[in-house]
């Protein structure tokens, strides 16, 4: 890659698919409109995260930097991770000085902080995006160096200080176009599901969710007389099921848009990406969020917001049990009216065209920067 007259747009972020796929949705939007060439897009991420493999499949050049976790609590790992963060900052500075990008867009995650700081040092404009209801530590740090802070919910403004209030832009959370173009018939046919009962789709994220898998094992026999079930279990959890109407797969890849289109009820964690994909499609959701023992609690707050708006039901704490799961699933599969009402509430939350909004904002700053170079 030569510097020449390139007008490079750089994305950064990673660690999970939730930090990568919204960025890909924005890239798809920019390429679809012909507003930027594929060869002028680059991504900075972690060499240990999943982003490198995802971006390789999409043909996006990838530059890896070390990723050190930022912790608010005491840990000996903070010492070694500080070294990794410093190394990532040095590598990011070398990248910025060599290629002189026009703009850096951050999708968050710990790996994004060094590139954002390096961009600010090199006077490269920075946009950062937060998918969750409340910003994580990485976004809070990035916000200090960003020119604009894109948020998915208007309520998110409450979590930022007044010093950055003028930078906040409500965009929503970008969803890949492919996720909105599924065919229900293909979804059912791909997994041998006849479609004579409501379809319950169970997804625990890209790696599965052991808690959800164990709960489903307890209730599946009670659900199958009333619904078909397609269950993504995650790697190493097996995909065989002798029960008619119950299909288990470790991973659902290209078929996911189709099975999501076919689903009547979705049982899942409460990651921002899944919420917006399901919400945009108007799906009734039964959420089993990660608690504070496995995260910073962002999924609990995401789920609570959707439940408050009537768009989802939550099972957390003591209610994340087989008894409550059985009760809620059977109620939802038996009432199309309830499912439709929840789906409409979800659509109202996720009604923004986030990919286009972020793309417009990027191109506005991108164009201004190119003009003044």
Protein backbone atom coordinates (compact mmCIF):
# COMPACT_ATOMS: atom_id res chain seq x y z
CA UNK A 1 0.00 0.00 0.00
CA UNK A 2 1.55 3.27 -1.07
CA UNK A 3 0.81 6.64 0.45
CA UNK A 4 0.81 8.60 -2.81
CA UNK A 5 -2.45 10.47 -3.29
CA UNK A 6 -4.46 8.01 -1.24
CA UNK A 7 -7.26 9.47 0.85
CA UNK A 8 -7.34 6.77 3.50
CA UNK A 9 -10.35 6.17 5.76
CA UNK A 10 -9.34 4.03 8.74
CA UNK A 11 -11.62 2.07 11.07
CA UNK A 12 -10.52 0.68 14.42
CA UNK A 13 -12.07 -1.57 17.04
CA UNK A 14 -12.41 -5.20 17.86
CA UNK A 15 -12.35 -8.01 20.34
CA UNK A 16 -15.89 -9.18 19.52
CA UNK A 17 -18.12 -9.26 16.46
CA UNK A 18 -20.17 -6.50 18.08
CA UNK A 19 -17.25 -4.13 17.53
CA UNK A 20 -16.68 -5.22 13.94
CA UNK A 21 -20.02 -5.88 12.23
CA UNK A 22 -21.46 -2.35 12.77
CA UNK A 23 -18.29 -0.98 11.20
CA UNK A 24 -18.76 -3.33 8.26
CA UNK A 25 -22.33 -2.07 7.90
CA UNK A 26 -21.02 1.49 7.55
CA UNK A 27 -18.36 0.38 5.06
CA UNK A 28 -21.04 -1.42 3.01
CA UNK A 29 -23.11 1.78 3.01
CA UNK A 30 -20.19 3.91 1.84
CA UNK A 31 -19.22 1.45 -0.89
CA UNK A 32 -22.82 0.96 -2.01
CA UNK A 33 -23.26 4.67 -2.57
CA UNK A 34 -19.87 4.86 -4.30
CA UNK A 35 -18.79 7.58 -1.90
CA UNK A 36 -15.44 5.96 -1.19
CA UNK A 37 -13.30 3.38 -2.97
CA UNK A 38 -12.65 -0.02 -1.40
CA UNK A 39 -8.91 0.53 -1.75
CA UNK A 40 -9.09 3.62 0.46
CA UNK A 41 -10.43 1.71 3.50
CA UNK A 42 -8.23 0.15 6.18
CA UNK A 43 -8.81 -1.38 9.63
CA UNK A 44 -6.62 -1.31 12.76
CA UNK A 45 -7.36 -4.06 15.26
CA UNK A 46 -5.97 -6.66 17.60
CA UNK A 47 -3.90 -9.57 16.39
CA UNK A 48 -5.57 -11.78 19.00
CA UNK A 49 -9.17 -10.77 18.43
CA UNK A 50 -11.65 -12.19 15.94
CA UNK A 51 -11.67 -9.06 13.77
CA UNK A 52 -8.71 -10.03 11.58
CA UNK A 53 -10.43 -13.19 10.34
CA UNK A 54 -13.76 -11.42 9.78
CA UNK A 55 -12.17 -8.56 7.85
CA UNK A 56 -10.09 -10.93 5.74
CA UNK A 57 -13.31 -12.55 4.52
CA UNK A 58 -14.57 -9.12 3.51
CA UNK A 59 -11.37 -8.19 1.71
CA UNK A 60 -10.51 -5.27 4.00
CA UNK A 61 -6.77 -4.63 4.67
CA UNK A 62 -5.93 -5.15 8.32
CA UNK A 63 -3.16 -3.72 10.49
CA UNK A 64 -2.73 -5.39 13.87
CA UNK A 65 -1.56 -3.77 17.11
CA UNK A 66 -1.21 -5.31 20.59
CA UNK A 67 -4.31 -5.13 22.77
CA UNK A 68 -4.04 -4.47 26.49
CA UNK A 69 -7.15 -4.48 28.65
CA UNK A 70 -8.01 -1.37 30.63
CA UNK A 71 -9.15 -2.25 34.14
CA UNK A 72 -10.74 -0.07 36.83
CA UNK A 73 -9.62 -2.49 39.56
CA UNK A 74 -6.22 -3.64 40.86
CA UNK A 75 -4.62 -6.49 38.93
CA UNK A 76 -1.04 -7.51 38.27
CA UNK A 77 -2.05 -7.83 34.62
CA UNK A 78 -2.37 -4.06 34.53
CA UNK A 79 1.42 -3.86 34.56
CA UNK A 80 1.96 -6.08 31.52
CA UNK A 81 -1.05 -4.64 29.74
CA UNK A 82 0.26 -1.11 30.18
CA UNK A 83 3.32 -2.22 28.23
CA UNK A 84 1.08 -3.65 25.49
CA UNK A 85 -0.92 -0.41 25.37
CA UNK A 86 2.27 1.63 25.04
CA UNK A 87 3.48 -0.66 22.26
CA UNK A 88 0.12 -0.35 20.49
CA UNK A 89 0.35 3.44 20.72
CA UNK A 90 3.82 3.39 19.15
CA UNK A 91 2.69 1.12 16.32
CA UNK A 92 -0.39 3.29 15.76
CA UNK A 93 1.74 6.43 15.60
CA UNK A 94 4.01 4.80 13.00
CA UNK A 95 0.90 3.92 10.96
CA UNK A 96 -0.54 7.44 11.18
CA UNK A 97 2.73 9.11 10.24
CA UNK A 98 3.35 6.74 7.34
CA UNK A 99 -0.10 6.74 5.74
CA UNK A 100 -1.57 10.07 6.95
CA UNK A 101 -5.22 8.94 6.94
CA UNK A 102 -7.95 11.49 6.36
CA UNK A 103 -10.19 10.19 9.17
CA UNK A 104 -10.29 7.55 11.92
CA UNK A 105 -13.61 5.95 12.88
CA UNK A 106 -13.59 3.96 16.14
CA UNK A 107 -16.08 1.19 16.90
CA UNK A 108 -14.76 0.70 20.40
CA UNK A 109 -13.12 -2.05 22.38
CA UNK A 110 -9.83 -1.77 24.25
CA UNK A 111 -7.78 -2.06 21.06
CA UNK A 112 -9.27 1.19 19.72
CA UNK A 113 -7.82 3.49 22.39
CA UNK A 114 -4.16 3.64 21.19
CA UNK A 115 -5.11 4.31 17.53
CA UNK A 116 -7.52 7.06 18.65
CA UNK A 117 -4.83 8.76 20.76
CA UNK A 118 -2.30 8.39 17.93
CA UNK A 119 -4.75 9.97 15.48
CA UNK A 120 -5.30 12.93 17.77
CA UNK A 121 -1.54 13.41 18.19
CA UNK A 122 -1.18 13.41 14.39
CA UNK A 123 -4.16 15.76 13.98
CA UNK A 124 -6.29 13.19 12.21
CA UNK A 125 -10.04 13.78 12.85
CA UNK A 126 -11.65 11.10 15.04
CA UNK A 127 -15.21 9.79 15.22
CA UNK A 128 -16.14 7.21 17.84
CA UNK A 129 -19.32 5.13 18.10
CA UNK A 130 -20.98 3.52 21.13
CA UNK A 131 -23.39 0.64 20.52
CA UNK A 132 -24.52 0.05 24.11
CA UNK A 133 -26.94 2.11 26.16
CA UNK A 134 -24.15 3.21 28.50
CA UNK A 135 -20.60 3.84 27.27
CA UNK A 136 -17.78 1.51 28.23
CA UNK A 137 -14.41 2.67 29.50
CA UNK A 138 -12.85 2.59 26.02
CA UNK A 139 -15.52 4.92 24.63
CA UNK A 140 -15.22 7.23 27.64
CA UNK A 141 -11.49 7.53 26.98
CA UNK A 142 -11.93 7.90 23.22
CA UNK A 143 -14.54 10.61 23.76
CA UNK A 144 -11.84 12.94 25.10
CA UNK A 145 -10.02 12.81 21.75
CA UNK A 146 -12.96 12.52 19.36
CA UNK A 147 -14.42 15.26 17.18
CA UNK A 148 -17.83 13.54 17.22
CA UNK A 149 -19.32 10.80 19.43
CA UNK A 150 -22.02 8.71 17.75
CA UNK A 151 -24.58 7.18 20.12
CA UNK A 152 -27.26 4.56 19.54
CA UNK A 153 -29.87 5.81 22.04
CA UNK A 154 -30.91 9.32 22.97
CA UNK A 155 -30.85 8.22 26.63
CA UNK A 156 -27.11 7.63 26.30
CA UNK A 157 -26.57 11.40 26.56
CA UNK A 158 -27.17 11.04 30.30
CA UNK A 159 -23.99 8.99 30.70
CA UNK A 160 -21.63 11.64 29.31
CA UNK A 161 -20.34 14.75 31.05
CA UNK A 162 -21.40 18.22 29.91
CA UNK A 163 -17.89 18.81 28.57
CA UNK A 164 -18.54 16.50 25.59
CA UNK A 165 -22.29 17.10 25.18
CA UNK A 166 -21.73 19.20 22.06
CA UNK A 167 -19.94 16.31 20.36
CA UNK A 168 -22.81 13.81 20.72
CA UNK A 169 -24.70 12.73 17.59
CA UNK A 170 -27.65 10.31 17.69
CA UNK A 171 -27.17 7.80 14.87
CA UNK A 172 -28.43 4.43 16.11
CA UNK A 173 -26.45 1.20 15.85
CA UNK A 174 -25.53 0.14 12.27
CA UNK A 175 -26.88 -3.20 11.04
CA UNK A 176 -25.40 -5.05 8.08
CA UNK A 177 -27.75 -4.89 5.05
CA UNK A 178 -27.45 -8.66 4.57
CA UNK A 179 -29.07 -9.23 7.97
CA UNK A 180 -32.19 -7.43 6.75
CA UNK A 181 -32.54 -9.32 3.47
CA UNK A 182 -33.25 -12.84 4.73
CA UNK A 183 -35.85 -15.19 3.25
CA UNK A 184 -37.89 -17.11 5.87
CA UNK A 185 -38.51 -20.02 3.52
CA UNK A 186 -34.78 -20.46 2.89
CA UNK A 187 -34.16 -20.28 6.63
CA UNK A 188 -36.56 -23.09 7.43
CA UNK A 189 -35.63 -25.21 4.41
CA UNK A 190 -31.90 -24.97 5.19
CA UNK A 191 -32.47 -26.77 8.50
CA UNK A 192 -35.33 -29.08 7.55
CA UNK A 193 -37.97 -27.22 9.54
CA UNK A 194 -41.47 -27.64 8.04
CA UNK A 195 -42.86 -24.39 9.40
CA UNK A 196 -46.15 -25.68 10.81
CA UNK A 197 -45.33 -24.26 14.27
CA UNK A 198 -43.78 -20.98 15.48
CA UNK A 199 -39.99 -20.97 15.26
CA UNK A 200 -37.88 -20.21 18.34
CA UNK A 201 -34.32 -19.19 17.48
CA UNK A 202 -31.78 -19.58 20.28
CA UNK A 203 -28.47 -17.73 19.88
CA UNK A 204 -25.81 -17.18 22.51
CA UNK A 205 -23.49 -14.99 20.49
CA UNK A 206 -20.66 -16.10 18.20
CA UNK A 207 -19.21 -18.34 20.92
CA UNK A 208 -22.48 -19.65 22.29
CA UNK A 209 -23.63 -19.31 25.90
CA UNK A 210 -23.33 -22.19 28.32
CA UNK A 211 -26.03 -20.80 30.62
CA UNK A 212 -28.55 -20.68 27.77
CA UNK A 213 -27.55 -24.15 26.56
CA UNK A 214 -28.14 -25.65 30.01
CA UNK A 215 -31.51 -23.93 30.41
CA UNK A 216 -32.66 -25.10 26.99
CA UNK A 217 -31.75 -28.69 27.88
CA UNK A 218 -34.17 -28.47 30.81
CA UNK A 219 -37.14 -27.03 28.90
CA UNK A 220 -36.86 -28.37 25.35
CA UNK A 221 -39.24 -31.31 25.85
CA UNK A 222 -41.95 -28.93 27.09
CA UNK A 223 -41.49 -26.50 24.19
CA UNK A 224 -41.39 -28.91 21.24
CA UNK A 225 -45.13 -29.77 21.27
CA UNK A 226 -45.78 -26.06 20.65
CA UNK A 227 -42.84 -24.78 18.58
CA UNK A 228 -39.86 -25.67 16.43
CA UNK A 229 -36.47 -24.74 17.86
CA UNK A 230 -33.23 -23.85 16.07
CA UNK A 231 -30.38 -23.57 18.56
CA UNK A 232 -26.89 -22.18 17.94
CA UNK A 233 -24.92 -23.81 20.73
CA UNK A 234 -21.40 -22.45 20.15
CA UNK A 235 -18.17 -24.29 19.44
CA UNK A 236 -17.58 -27.59 21.22
CA UNK A 237 -21.18 -27.96 22.38
CA UNK A 238 -22.32 -30.43 19.72
CA UNK A 239 -24.97 -30.21 17.05
CA UNK A 240 -26.81 -33.53 17.16
CA UNK A 241 -30.39 -33.79 18.41
CA UNK A 242 -32.63 -36.87 18.11
CA UNK A 243 -35.78 -34.82 18.77
CA UNK A 244 -37.94 -33.93 15.73
CA UNK A 245 -38.37 -30.19 15.43
CA UNK A 246 -35.22 -29.41 17.44
CA UNK A 247 -32.14 -28.52 15.39
CA UNK A 248 -28.80 -27.82 17.08
CA UNK A 249 -25.82 -26.27 15.30
CA UNK A 250 -22.55 -25.12 16.76
CA UNK A 251 -22.49 -22.19 14.33
CA UNK A 252 -24.96 -20.60 11.94
CA UNK A 253 -23.06 -18.65 9.31
CA UNK A 254 -24.44 -17.58 5.93
CA UNK A 255 -27.90 -18.83 6.87
CA UNK A 256 -28.29 -16.43 9.83
CA UNK A 257 -30.17 -13.68 7.92
CA UNK A 258 -32.63 -16.29 6.68
CA UNK A 259 -33.24 -18.00 10.02
CA UNK A 260 -33.57 -14.63 11.74
CA UNK A 261 -36.19 -13.65 9.16
CA UNK A 262 -38.03 -16.92 9.87
CA UNK A 263 -37.88 -16.65 13.68
CA UNK A 264 -41.03 -15.83 15.65
CA UNK A 265 -39.22 -15.62 19.01
CA UNK A 266 -35.51 -15.03 19.62
CA UNK A 267 -33.84 -16.18 22.84
CA UNK A 268 -30.44 -14.53 23.22
CA UNK A 269 -27.98 -12.54 25.27
CA UNK A 270 -28.41 -8.76 25.14
CA UNK A 271 -25.43 -7.65 23.10
CA UNK A 272 -26.05 -4.44 21.18
CA UNK A 273 -25.62 -5.99 17.74
CA UNK A 274 -28.14 -8.78 18.30
CA UNK A 275 -30.65 -6.36 19.83
CA UNK A 276 -30.52 -4.06 16.83
CA UNK A 277 -30.65 -6.87 14.26
CA UNK A 278 -33.70 -8.38 15.97
CA UNK A 279 -35.24 -4.99 16.70
CA UNK A 280 -34.92 -3.73 13.14
CA UNK A 281 -36.69 -6.89 11.95
CA UNK A 282 -39.39 -6.56 14.61
CA UNK A 283 -38.70 -9.79 16.48
CA UNK A 284 -40.11 -10.66 19.90
CA UNK A 285 -37.10 -11.16 22.18
CA UNK A 286 -36.54 -13.14 25.35
CA UNK A 287 -33.25 -11.89 26.75
CA UNK A 288 -30.88 -13.67 29.16
CA UNK A 289 -28.19 -11.01 29.58
CA UNK A 290 -24.69 -11.49 30.89
CA UNK A 291 -24.55 -10.37 34.50
CA UNK A 292 -21.91 -8.33 36.27
CA UNK A 293 -19.90 -11.46 37.04
CA UNK A 294 -19.14 -11.88 33.34
CA UNK A 295 -19.19 -8.29 32.09
CA UNK A 296 -19.43 -4.65 33.15
CA UNK A 297 -23.21 -4.98 33.26
CA UNK A 298 -23.90 -3.35 29.91
CA UNK A 299 -26.12 -6.21 28.75
CA UNK A 300 -28.30 -5.87 31.85
CA UNK A 301 -28.87 -2.19 31.07
CA UNK A 302 -29.42 -2.85 27.37
CA UNK A 303 -32.00 -5.53 28.18
CA UNK A 304 -33.73 -3.38 30.81
CA UNK A 305 -34.17 -0.54 28.31
CA UNK A 306 -35.79 -2.82 25.70
CA UNK A 307 -38.02 -4.36 28.37
CA UNK A 308 -39.12 -0.94 29.63
CA UNK A 309 -40.20 -0.08 26.08
CA UNK A 310 -42.20 -3.32 25.78
CA UNK A 311 -39.81 -4.76 23.18
CA UNK A 312 -38.46 -7.71 25.16
CA UNK A 313 -38.76 -9.87 28.24
CA UNK A 314 -35.78 -10.42 30.56
CA UNK A 315 -34.61 -13.40 32.55
CA UNK A 316 -31.80 -12.40 34.88
CA UNK A 317 -30.68 -13.19 38.40
CA UNK A 318 -32.99 -15.69 40.10
CA UNK A 319 -35.43 -15.47 37.19
CA UNK A 320 -32.85 -16.94 34.78
CA UNK A 321 -34.25 -20.38 35.55
CA UNK A 322 -35.85 -23.22 33.64
CA UNK A 323 -39.24 -22.47 35.19
CA UNK A 324 -39.36 -18.84 34.08
CA UNK A 325 -37.89 -19.68 30.66
CA UNK A 326 -40.50 -22.37 30.06
CA UNK A 327 -43.32 -20.03 31.11
CA UNK A 328 -42.22 -17.11 28.92
CA UNK A 329 -41.49 -19.18 25.82
CA UNK A 330 -44.84 -20.95 25.96
CA UNK A 331 -46.66 -17.63 26.44
CA UNK A 332 -44.89 -16.05 23.47
CA UNK A 333 -45.33 -18.94 21.02
CA UNK A 334 -49.02 -19.17 21.92
CA UNK A 335 -49.80 -15.47 21.32
CA UNK A 336 -49.12 -13.93 17.94
CA UNK A 337 -50.68 -10.70 19.20
CA UNK A 338 -48.07 -10.41 21.97
CA UNK A 339 -45.24 -11.15 19.56
CA UNK A 340 -46.44 -8.52 17.10
CA UNK A 341 -46.80 -5.91 19.84
CA UNK A 342 -43.28 -6.57 21.10
CA UNK A 343 -41.91 -6.52 17.55
CA UNK A 344 -43.45 -3.12 16.83
CA UNK A 345 -41.97 -1.73 20.06
CA UNK A 346 -38.56 -3.05 19.02
CA UNK A 347 -38.88 -1.41 15.60
CA UNK A 348 -39.61 1.93 17.22
CA UNK A 349 -36.36 1.71 19.19
CA UNK A 350 -34.30 0.59 16.20
CA UNK A 351 -35.95 2.72 13.52
CA UNK A 352 -32.90 4.86 12.73
CA UNK A 353 -30.90 4.18 9.57
CA UNK A 354 -27.66 4.15 11.51
CA UNK A 355 -25.35 3.03 8.73
CA UNK A 356 -26.49 5.91 6.54
CA UNK A 357 -26.30 8.44 9.40
CA UNK A 358 -22.77 7.38 10.31
CA UNK A 359 -21.80 7.31 6.64
CA UNK A 360 -23.10 10.86 6.10
CA UNK A 361 -21.20 12.12 9.13
CA UNK A 362 -18.01 10.38 8.02
CA UNK A 363 -18.22 11.81 4.52
CA UNK A 364 -18.91 15.33 5.80
CA UNK A 365 -15.73 15.38 7.90
CA UNK A 366 -13.82 13.29 5.35
CA UNK A 367 -14.67 15.72 2.56
CA UNK A 368 -13.81 18.78 4.65
CA UNK A 369 -10.45 17.28 5.62
CA UNK A 370 -9.54 16.37 2.04
CA UNK A 371 -10.53 19.87 0.88
CA UNK A 372 -8.23 21.57 3.37
CA UNK A 373 -5.21 19.33 2.87
